[in-house]
Full PDB file with SEQRES, HELIX, SHEET, SSBOND, CRYST1, ORIGX, SCALE, CONECT and MASTER records, all heavy atoms in Angstrom:
SEQRES   1 A   35  THR ALA SER ILE ASN ALA MET GLY TRP TYR ARG GLN ALA          
SEQRES   2 A   35  PRO GLY LYS GLN ARG GLU LEU VAL ALA THR LEU SER ASN          
SEQRES   3 A   35  GLY GLY ILE ALA ASN TYR ALA ASP SER                          
SHEET    1 AA1 3 ALA A   6  ARG A  11  0                                        
SHEET    2 AA1 3 GLU A  19  SER A  25 -1                                        
SHEET    3 AA1 3 ALA A  30  TYR A  32 -1                                        
CRYST1    1.000    1.000    1.000  90.00  90.00  90.00 P 1           1          
ORIGX1      1.000000  0.000000  0.000000        0.00000                         
ORIGX2      0.000000  1.000000  0.000000        0.00000                         
ORIGX3      0.000000  0.000000  1.000000        0.00000                         
SCALE1      1.000000  0.000000  0.000000        0.00000                         
SCALE2      0.000000  1.000000  0.000000        0.00000                         
SCALE3      0.000000  0.000000  1.000000        0.00000                         
ATOM      1  N   THR A   1      94.445  96.700  84.881  1.00  0.00           N  
ATOM      2  CA  THR A   1      95.681  95.925  84.858  1.00  0.00           C  
ATOM      3  C   THR A   1      96.537  96.211  83.639  1.00  0.00           C  
ATOM      4  O   THR A   1      97.751  95.996  83.679  1.00  0.00           O  
ATOM      5  CB  THR A   1      95.370  94.427  84.931  1.00  0.00           C  
ATOM      6  OG1 THR A   1      94.511  94.065  83.839  1.00  0.00           O  
ATOM      7  CG2 THR A   1      94.684  94.087  86.240  1.00  0.00           C  
ATOM      8  N   ALA A   2      95.937  96.684  82.564  1.00  0.00           N  
ATOM      9  CA  ALA A   2      96.705  96.987  81.364  1.00  0.00           C  
ATOM     10  C   ALA A   2      97.676  98.130  81.582  1.00  0.00           C  
ATOM     11  O   ALA A   2      98.631  98.281  80.810  1.00  0.00           O  
ATOM     12  CB  ALA A   2      95.768  97.301  80.197  1.00  0.00           C  
ATOM     13  N   SER A   3      97.450  98.928  82.601  1.00  0.00           N  
ATOM     14  CA  SER A   3      98.305 100.077  82.880  1.00  0.00           C  
ATOM     15  C   SER A   3      99.472  99.753  83.810  1.00  0.00           C  
ATOM     16  O   SER A   3     100.289 100.624  84.089  1.00  0.00           O  
ATOM     17  CB  SER A   3      97.480 101.216  83.483  1.00  0.00           C  
ATOM     18  OG  SER A   3      96.501 101.669  82.559  1.00  0.00           O  
ATOM     19  N   ILE A   4      99.545  98.525  84.291  1.00  0.00           N  
ATOM     20  CA  ILE A   4     100.642  98.135  85.174  1.00  0.00           C  
ATOM     21  C   ILE A   4     101.940  98.061  84.374  1.00  0.00           C  
ATOM     22  O   ILE A   4     102.004  97.384  83.347  1.00  0.00           O  
ATOM     23  CB  ILE A   4     100.357  96.785  85.841  1.00  0.00           C  
ATOM     24  CG1 ILE A   4      99.119  96.879  86.736  1.00  0.00           C  
ATOM     25  CG2 ILE A   4     101.569  96.326  86.650  1.00  0.00           C  
ATOM     26  CD1 ILE A   4      98.677  95.557  87.316  1.00  0.00           C  
ATOM     27  N   ASN A   5     102.959  98.749  84.853  1.00  0.00           N  
ATOM     28  CA  ASN A   5     104.231  98.723  84.134  1.00  0.00           C  
ATOM     29  C   ASN A   5     105.359  98.056  84.907  1.00  0.00           C  
ATOM     30  O   ASN A   5     106.462  97.904  84.386  1.00  0.00           O  
ATOM     31  CB  ASN A   5     104.652 100.127  83.693  1.00  0.00           C  
ATOM     32  CG  ASN A   5     104.846 101.092  84.845  1.00  0.00           C  
ATOM     33  OD1 ASN A   5     104.877 100.707  86.008  1.00  0.00           O  
ATOM     34  ND2 ASN A   5     104.981 102.375  84.505  1.00  0.00           N  
ATOM     35  N   ALA A   6     105.086  97.656  86.133  1.00  0.00           N  
ATOM     36  CA  ALA A   6     106.079  96.939  86.922  1.00  0.00           C  
ATOM     37  C   ALA A   6     105.389  96.343  88.134  1.00  0.00           C  
ATOM     38  O   ALA A   6     104.325  96.812  88.550  1.00  0.00           O  
ATOM     39  CB  ALA A   6     107.225  97.846  87.358  1.00  0.00           C  
ATOM     40  N   MET A   7     105.985  95.328  88.699  1.00  0.00           N  
ATOM     41  CA  MET A   7     105.459  94.752  89.918  1.00  0.00           C  
ATOM     42  C   MET A   7     106.604  94.379  90.837  1.00  0.00           C  
ATOM     43  O   MET A   7     107.755  94.270  90.411  1.00  0.00           O  
ATOM     44  CB  MET A   7     104.592  93.516  89.645  1.00  0.00           C  
ATOM     45  CG  MET A   7     105.369  92.307  89.145  1.00  0.00           C  
ATOM     46  SD  MET A   7     104.414  90.759  89.266  1.00  0.00           S  
ATOM     47  CE  MET A   7     104.258  90.611  91.051  1.00  0.00           C  
ATOM     48  N   GLY A   8     106.269  94.197  92.087  1.00  0.00           N  
ATOM     49  CA  GLY A   8     107.283  93.803  93.042  1.00  0.00           C  
ATOM     50  C   GLY A   8     106.671  93.145  94.253  1.00  0.00           C  
ATOM     51  O   GLY A   8     105.457  93.178  94.463  1.00  0.00           O  
ATOM     52  N   TRP A   9     107.535  92.525  95.013  1.00  0.00           N  
ATOM     53  CA  TRP A   9     107.159  91.946  96.291  1.00  0.00           C  
ATOM     54  C   TRP A   9     107.998  92.588  97.388  1.00  0.00           C  
ATOM     55  O   TRP A   9     109.212  92.761  97.234  1.00  0.00           O  
ATOM     56  CB  TRP A   9     107.369  90.433  96.312  1.00  0.00           C  
ATOM     57  CG  TRP A   9     106.375  89.667  95.497  1.00  0.00           C  
ATOM     58  CD1 TRP A   9     106.493  89.280  94.197  1.00  0.00           C  
ATOM     59  CD2 TRP A   9     105.108  89.182  95.947  1.00  0.00           C  
ATOM     60  NE1 TRP A   9     105.373  88.587  93.803  1.00  0.00           N  
ATOM     61  CE2 TRP A   9     104.508  88.513  94.860  1.00  0.00           C  
ATOM     62  CE3 TRP A   9     104.422  89.246  97.161  1.00  0.00           C  
ATOM     63  CZ2 TRP A   9     103.252  87.914  94.952  1.00  0.00           C  
ATOM     64  CZ3 TRP A   9     103.174  88.656  97.247  1.00  0.00           C  
ATOM     65  CH2 TRP A   9     102.608  87.996  96.152  1.00  0.00           C  
ATOM     66  N   TYR A  10     107.342  92.939  98.453  1.00  0.00           N  
ATOM     67  CA  TYR A  10     107.985  93.485  99.631  1.00  0.00           C  
ATOM     68  C   TYR A  10     107.612  92.632 100.831  1.00  0.00           C  
ATOM     69  O   TYR A  10     106.651  91.866 100.791  1.00  0.00           O  
ATOM     70  CB  TYR A  10     107.548  94.933  99.872  1.00  0.00           C  
ATOM     71  CG  TYR A  10     108.043  95.918  98.841  1.00  0.00           C  
ATOM     72  CD1 TYR A  10     107.528  95.922  97.547  1.00  0.00           C  
ATOM     73  CD2 TYR A  10     109.015  96.865  99.164  1.00  0.00           C  
ATOM     74  CE1 TYR A  10     107.969  96.828  96.598  1.00  0.00           C  
ATOM     75  CE2 TYR A  10     109.464  97.777  98.227  1.00  0.00           C  
ATOM     76  CZ  TYR A  10     108.933  97.754  96.943  1.00  0.00           C  
ATOM     77  OH  TYR A  10     109.380  98.665  96.013  1.00  0.00           O  
ATOM     78  N   ARG A  11     108.365  92.778 101.883  1.00  0.00           N  
ATOM     79  CA  ARG A  11     108.020  92.073 103.107  1.00  0.00           C  
ATOM     80  C   ARG A  11     108.315  92.957 104.305  1.00  0.00           C  
ATOM     81  O   ARG A  11     109.173  93.834 104.254  1.00  0.00           O  
ATOM     82  CB  ARG A  11     108.780  90.750 103.222  1.00  0.00           C  
ATOM     83  CG  ARG A  11     110.284  90.890 103.404  1.00  0.00           C  
ATOM     84  CD  ARG A  11     110.956  89.531 103.365  1.00  0.00           C  
ATOM     85  NE  ARG A  11     112.395  89.634 103.556  1.00  0.00           N  
ATOM     86  CZ  ARG A  11     113.250  88.637 103.387  1.00  0.00           C  
ATOM     87  NH1 ARG A  11     112.810  87.435 103.019  1.00  0.00           N  
ATOM     88  NH2 ARG A  11     114.552  88.820 103.589  1.00  0.00           N  
ATOM     89  N   GLN A  12     107.593  92.702 105.366  1.00  0.00           N  
ATOM     90  CA  GLN A  12     107.787  93.435 106.600  1.00  0.00           C  
ATOM     91  C   GLN A  12     107.763  92.455 107.758  1.00  0.00           C  
ATOM     92  O   GLN A  12     106.738  91.838 108.042  1.00  0.00           O  
ATOM     93  CB  GLN A  12     106.721  94.507 106.787  1.00  0.00           C  
ATOM     94  CG  GLN A  12     106.974  95.414 107.972  1.00  0.00           C  
ATOM     95  CD  GLN A  12     106.102  96.651 107.946  1.00  0.00           C  
ATOM     96  OE1 GLN A  12     105.069  96.679 107.286  1.00  0.00           O  
ATOM     97  NE2 GLN A  12     106.521  97.681 108.652  1.00  0.00           N  
ATOM     98  N   ALA A  13     108.901  92.317 108.397  1.00  0.00           N  
ATOM     99  CA  ALA A  13     109.031  91.456 109.554  1.00  0.00           C  
ATOM    100  C   ALA A  13     108.664  92.240 110.807  1.00  0.00           C  
ATOM    101  O   ALA A  13     108.711  93.478 110.817  1.00  0.00           O  
ATOM    102  CB  ALA A  13     110.456  90.919 109.659  1.00  0.00           C  
ATOM    103  N   PRO A  14     108.292  91.544 111.875  1.00  0.00           N  
ATOM    104  CA  PRO A  14     107.953  92.248 113.115  1.00  0.00           C  
ATOM    105  C   PRO A  14     109.071  93.169 113.574  1.00  0.00           C  
ATOM    106  O   PRO A  14     110.234  92.765 113.657  1.00  0.00           O  
ATOM    107  CB  PRO A  14     107.723  91.108 114.109  1.00  0.00           C  
ATOM    108  CG  PRO A  14     107.323  89.946 113.261  1.00  0.00           C  
ATOM    109  CD  PRO A  14     108.126  90.090 112.003  1.00  0.00           C  
ATOM    110  N   GLY A  15     108.720  94.410 113.858  1.00  0.00           N  
ATOM    111  CA  GLY A  15     109.687  95.374 114.331  1.00  0.00           C  
ATOM    112  C   GLY A  15     110.618  95.922 113.275  1.00  0.00           C  
ATOM    113  O   GLY A  15     111.545  96.668 113.607  1.00  0.00           O  
ATOM    114  N   LYS A  16     110.393  95.568 112.019  1.00  0.00           N  
ATOM    115  CA  LYS A  16     111.262  96.005 110.938  1.00  0.00           C  
ATOM    116  C   LYS A  16     110.502  96.873 109.940  1.00  0.00           C  
ATOM    117  O   LYS A  16     109.273  96.876 109.887  1.00  0.00           O  
ATOM    118  CB  LYS A  16     111.858  94.808 110.201  1.00  0.00           C  
ATOM    119  CG  LYS A  16     112.665  93.859 111.071  1.00  0.00           C  
ATOM    120  CD  LYS A  16     113.960  94.496 111.527  1.00  0.00           C  
ATOM    121  CE  LYS A  16     114.818  93.492 112.281  1.00  0.00           C  
ATOM    122  NZ  LYS A  16     116.098  94.101 112.724  1.00  0.00           N  
ATOM    123  N   GLN A  17     111.270  97.611 109.153  1.00  0.00           N  
ATOM    124  CA  GLN A  17     110.694  98.381 108.066  1.00  0.00           C  
ATOM    125  C   GLN A  17     110.332  97.459 106.907  1.00  0.00           C  
ATOM    126  O   GLN A  17     110.905  96.382 106.744  1.00  0.00           O  
ATOM    127  CB  GLN A  17     111.683  99.445 107.581  1.00  0.00           C  
ATOM    128  CG  GLN A  17     112.063 100.482 108.616  1.00  0.00           C  
ATOM    129  CD  GLN A  17     111.060 101.598 108.697  1.00  0.00           C  
ATOM    130  OE1 GLN A  17     109.947 101.407 109.188  1.00  0.00           O  
ATOM    131  NE2 GLN A  17     111.430 102.765 108.217  1.00  0.00           N  
ATOM    132  N   ARG A  18     109.387  97.891 106.106  1.00  0.00           N  
ATOM    133  CA  ARG A  18     109.066  97.147 104.904  1.00  0.00           C  
ATOM    134  C   ARG A  18     110.256  97.213 103.950  1.00  0.00           C  
ATOM    135  O   ARG A  18     110.820  98.287 103.710  1.00  0.00           O  
ATOM    136  CB  ARG A  18     107.817  97.720 104.237  1.00  0.00           C  
ATOM    137  CG  ARG A  18     107.314  96.908 103.058  1.00  0.00           C  
ATOM    138  CD  ARG A  18     105.982  97.438 102.541  1.00  0.00           C  
ATOM    139  NE  ARG A  18     104.941  97.371 103.561  1.00  0.00           N  
ATOM    140  CZ  ARG A  18     103.661  97.673 103.351  1.00  0.00           C  
ATOM    141  NH1 ARG A  18     103.271  98.061 102.144  1.00  0.00           N  
ATOM    142  NH2 ARG A  18     102.786  97.590 104.331  1.00  0.00           N  
ATOM    143  N   GLU A  19     110.642  96.067 103.419  1.00  0.00           N  
ATOM    144  CA  GLU A  19     111.808  96.006 102.565  1.00  0.00           C  
ATOM    145  C   GLU A  19     111.482  95.354 101.232  1.00  0.00           C  
ATOM    146  O   GLU A  19     110.609  94.496 101.125  1.00  0.00           O  
ATOM    147  CB  GLU A  19     112.951  95.244 103.243  1.00  0.00           C  
ATOM    148  CG  GLU A  19     112.672  93.776 103.474  1.00  0.00           C  
ATOM    149  CD  GLU A  19     113.873  93.031 104.024  1.00  0.00           C  
ATOM    150  OE1 GLU A  19     114.979  93.602 104.077  1.00  0.00           O  
ATOM    151  OE2 GLU A  19     113.704  91.854 104.409  1.00  0.00           O  
ATOM    152  N   LEU A  20     112.225  95.766 100.234  1.00  0.00           N  
ATOM    153  CA  LEU A  20     112.066  95.212  98.899  1.00  0.00           C  
ATOM    154  C   LEU A  20     112.616  93.796  98.841  1.00  0.00           C  
ATOM    155  O   LEU A  20     113.716  93.529  99.323  1.00  0.00           O  
ATOM    156  CB  LEU A  20     112.789  96.101  97.886  1.00  0.00           C  
ATOM    157  CG  LEU A  20     112.826  95.602  96.442  1.00  0.00           C  
ATOM    158  CD1 LEU A  20     111.433  95.612  95.841  1.00  0.00           C  
ATOM    159  CD2 LEU A  20     113.774  96.461  95.609  1.00  0.00           C  
ATOM    160  N   VAL A  21     111.858  92.901  98.242  1.00  0.00           N  
ATOM    161  CA  VAL A  21     112.287  91.528  98.035  1.00  0.00           C  
ATOM    162  C   VAL A  21     112.659  91.288  96.581  1.00  0.00           C  
ATOM    163  O   VAL A  21     113.733  90.763  96.279  1.00  0.00           O  
ATOM    164  CB  VAL A  21     111.197  90.534  98.476  1.00  0.00           C  
ATOM    165  CG1 VAL A  21     111.604  89.102  98.140  1.00  0.00           C  
ATOM    166  CG2 VAL A  21     110.929  90.674  99.967  1.00  0.00           C  
ATOM    167  N   ALA A  22     111.769  91.646  95.678  1.00  0.00           N  
ATOM    168  CA  ALA A  22     111.996  91.402  94.259  1.00  0.00           C  
ATOM    169  C   ALA A  22     111.142  92.338  93.431  1.00  0.00           C  
ATOM    170  O   ALA A  22     110.055  92.746  93.850  1.00  0.00           O  
ATOM    171  CB  ALA A  22     111.683  89.950  93.893  1.00  0.00           C  
ATOM    172  N   THR A  23     111.636  92.680  92.253  1.00  0.00           N  
ATOM    173  CA  THR A  23     110.873  93.485  91.312  1.00  0.00           C  
ATOM    174  C   THR A  23     110.946  92.850  89.937  1.00  0.00           C  
ATOM    175  O   THR A  23     111.882  92.121  89.614  1.00  0.00           O  
ATOM    176  CB  THR A  23     111.386  94.931  91.214  1.00  0.00           C  
ATOM    177  OG1 THR A  23     112.747  94.934  90.787  1.00  0.00           O  
ATOM    178  CG2 THR A  23     111.270  95.636  92.564  1.00  0.00           C  
ATOM    179  N   LEU A  24     109.945  93.157  89.123  1.00  0.00           N  
ATOM    180  CA  LEU A  24     109.891  92.648  87.759  1.00  0.00           C  
ATOM    181  C   LEU A  24     109.327  93.749  86.876  1.00  0.00           C  
ATOM    182  O   LEU A  24     108.197  94.194  87.075  1.00  0.00           O  
ATOM    183  CB  LEU A  24     109.027  91.392  87.674  1.00  0.00           C  
ATOM    184  CG  LEU A  24     108.930  90.715  86.305  1.00  0.00           C  
ATOM    185  CD1 LEU A  24     110.289  90.163  85.882  1.00  0.00           C  
ATOM    186  CD2 LEU A  24     107.894  89.593  86.344  1.00  0.00           C  
ATOM    187  N   SER A  25     110.110  94.184  85.908  1.00  0.00           N  
ATOM    188  CA  SER A  25     109.665  95.222  84.998  1.00  0.00           C  
ATOM    189  C   SER A  25     108.820  94.628  83.884  1.00  0.00           C  
ATOM    190  O   SER A  25     108.795  93.415  83.673  1.00  0.00           O  
ATOM    191  CB  SER A  25     110.866  95.962  84.403  1.00  0.00           C  
ATOM    192  OG  SER A  25     111.539  95.147  83.463  1.00  0.00           O  
ATOM    193  N   ASN A  26     108.121  95.517  83.159  1.00  0.00           N  
ATOM    194  CA  ASN A  26     107.350  95.042  82.009  1.00  0.00           C  
ATOM    195  C   ASN A  26     108.231  94.375  80.969  1.00  0.00           C  
ATOM    196  O   ASN A  26     107.775  93.503  80.223  1.00  0.00           O  
ATOM    197  CB  ASN A  26     106.587  96.205  81.374  1.00  0.00           C  
ATOM    198  CG  ASN A  26     105.203  96.377  81.966  1.00  0.00           C  
ATOM    199  OD1 ASN A  26     104.847  95.723  82.943  1.00  0.00           O  
ATOM    200  ND2 ASN A  26     104.418  97.263  81.372  1.00  0.00           N  
ATOM    201  N   GLY A  27     109.494  94.800  80.902  1.00  0.00           N  
ATOM    202  CA  GLY A  27     110.433  94.200  79.982  1.00  0.00           C  
ATOM    203  C   GLY A  27     111.004  92.878  80.446  1.00  0.00           C  
ATOM    204  O   GLY A  27     111.828  92.289  79.739  1.00  0.00           O  
ATOM    205  N   GLY A  28     110.585  92.417  81.601  1.00  0.00           N  
ATOM    206  CA  GLY A  28     111.022  91.123  82.096  1.00  0.00           C  
ATOM    207  C   GLY A  28     112.312  91.143  82.883  1.00  0.00           C  
ATOM    208  O   GLY A  28     112.898  90.080  83.131  1.00  0.00           O  
ATOM    209  N   ILE A  29     112.758  92.318  83.285  1.00  0.00           N  
ATOM    210  CA  ILE A  29     113.975  92.420  84.074  1.00  0.00           C  
ATOM    211  C   ILE A  29     113.642  92.228  85.542  1.00  0.00           C  
ATOM    212  O   ILE A  29     112.862  92.995  86.110  1.00  0.00           O  
ATOM    213  CB  ILE A  29     114.672  93.769  83.848  1.00  0.00           C  
ATOM    214  CG1 ILE A  29     115.034  93.939  82.371  1.00  0.00           C  
ATOM    215  CG2 ILE A  29     115.911  93.886  84.726  1.00  0.00           C  
ATOM    216  CD1 ILE A  29     115.580  95.307  82.027  1.00  0.00           C  
ATOM    217  N   ALA A  30     114.232  91.222  86.135  1.00  0.00           N  
ATOM    218  CA  ALA A  30     113.997  90.912  87.536  1.00  0.00           C  
ATOM    219  C   ALA A  30     115.184  91.338  88.382  1.00  0.00           C  
ATOM    220  O   ALA A  30     116.339  91.201  87.966  1.00  0.00           O  
ATOM    221  CB  ALA A  30     113.739  89.423  87.721  1.00  0.00           C  
ATOM    222  N   ASN A  31     114.892  91.848  89.544  1.00  0.00           N  
ATOM    223  CA  ASN A  31     115.915  92.207  90.510  1.00  0.00           C  
ATOM    224  C   ASN A  31     115.515  91.671  91.869  1.00  0.00           C  
ATOM    225  O   ASN A  31     114.333  91.643  92.213  1.00  0.00           O  
ATOM    226  CB  ASN A  31     116.107  93.721  90.578  1.00  0.00           C  
ATOM    227  CG  ASN A  31     116.768  94.292  89.346  1.00  0.00           C  
ATOM    228  OD1 ASN A  31     117.972  94.158  89.165  1.00  0.00           O  
ATOM    229  ND2 ASN A  31     115.981  94.921  88.484  1.00  0.00           N  
ATOM    230  N   TYR A  32     116.511  91.263  92.639  1.00  0.00           N  
ATOM    231  CA  TYR A  32     116.266  90.643  93.924  1.00  0.00           C  
ATOM    232  C   TYR A  32     117.152  91.253  94.993  1.00  0.00           C  
ATOM    233  O   TYR A  32     118.271  91.689  94.723  1.00  0.00           O  
ATOM    234  CB  TYR A  32     116.539  89.140  93.874  1.00  0.00           C  
ATOM    235  CG  TYR A  32     115.712  88.392  92.866  1.00  0.00           C  
ATOM    236  CD1 TYR A  32     116.173  88.183  91.570  1.00  0.00           C  
ATOM    237  CD2 TYR A  32     114.466  87.884  93.217  1.00  0.00           C  
ATOM    238  CE1 TYR A  32     115.411  87.489  90.645  1.00  0.00           C  
ATOM    239  CE2 TYR A  32     113.699  87.191  92.300  1.00  0.00           C  
ATOM    240  CZ  TYR A  32     114.177  86.996  91.009  1.00  0.00           C  
ATOM    241  OH  TYR A  32     113.415  86.309  90.101  1.00  0.00           O  
ATOM    242  N   ALA A  33     116.628  91.255  96.194  1.00  0.00           N  
ATOM    243  CA  ALA A  33     117.468  91.585  97.321  1.00  0.00           C  
ATOM    244  C   ALA A  33     118.543  90.518  97.474  1.00  0.00           C  
ATOM    245  O   ALA A  33     118.313  89.341  97.180  1.00  0.00           O  
ATOM    246  CB  ALA A  33     116.636  91.680  98.601  1.00  0.00           C  
ATOM    247  N   ASP A  34     119.713  90.932  97.931  1.00  0.00           N  
ATOM    248  CA  ASP A  34     120.814  89.982  98.072  1.00  0.00           C  
ATOM    249  C   ASP A  34     120.453  88.802  98.968  1.00  0.00           C  
ATOM    250  O   ASP A  34     120.908  87.680  98.747  1.00  0.00           O  
ATOM    251  CB  ASP A  34     122.049  90.690  98.627  1.00  0.00           C  
ATOM    252  CG  ASP A  34     122.702  91.614  97.620  1.00  0.00           C  
ATOM    253  OD1 ASP A  34     122.459  91.453  96.405  1.00  0.00           O  
ATOM    254  OD2 ASP A  34     123.469  92.503  98.042  1.00  0.00           O  
ATOM    255  N   SER A  35     119.619  89.049  99.951  1.00  0.00           N  
ATOM    256  CA  SER A  35     119.283  88.018 100.912  1.00  0.00           C  
ATOM    257  C   SER A  35     118.423  86.894 100.337  1.00  0.00           C  
ATOM    258  O   SER A  35     118.313  85.830 100.948  1.00  0.00           O  
ATOM    259  CB  SER A  35     118.568  88.635 102.120  1.00  0.00           C  
ATOM    260  OG  SER A  35     117.374  89.287 101.714  1.00  0.00           O  
TER     261      SER A  35                                                      
MASTER        0    0    0    0    3    0    0    6  260    1    0    3          
END                                                                             
């Protein structure tokens, strides 16, 4: 776990591609899908 430099959450709805929901960098920068 010490080697993790970023994390994120993705989701996949039925019949859909996996999509990005949110990311969080080691520096604490968060990004979110508009939805």
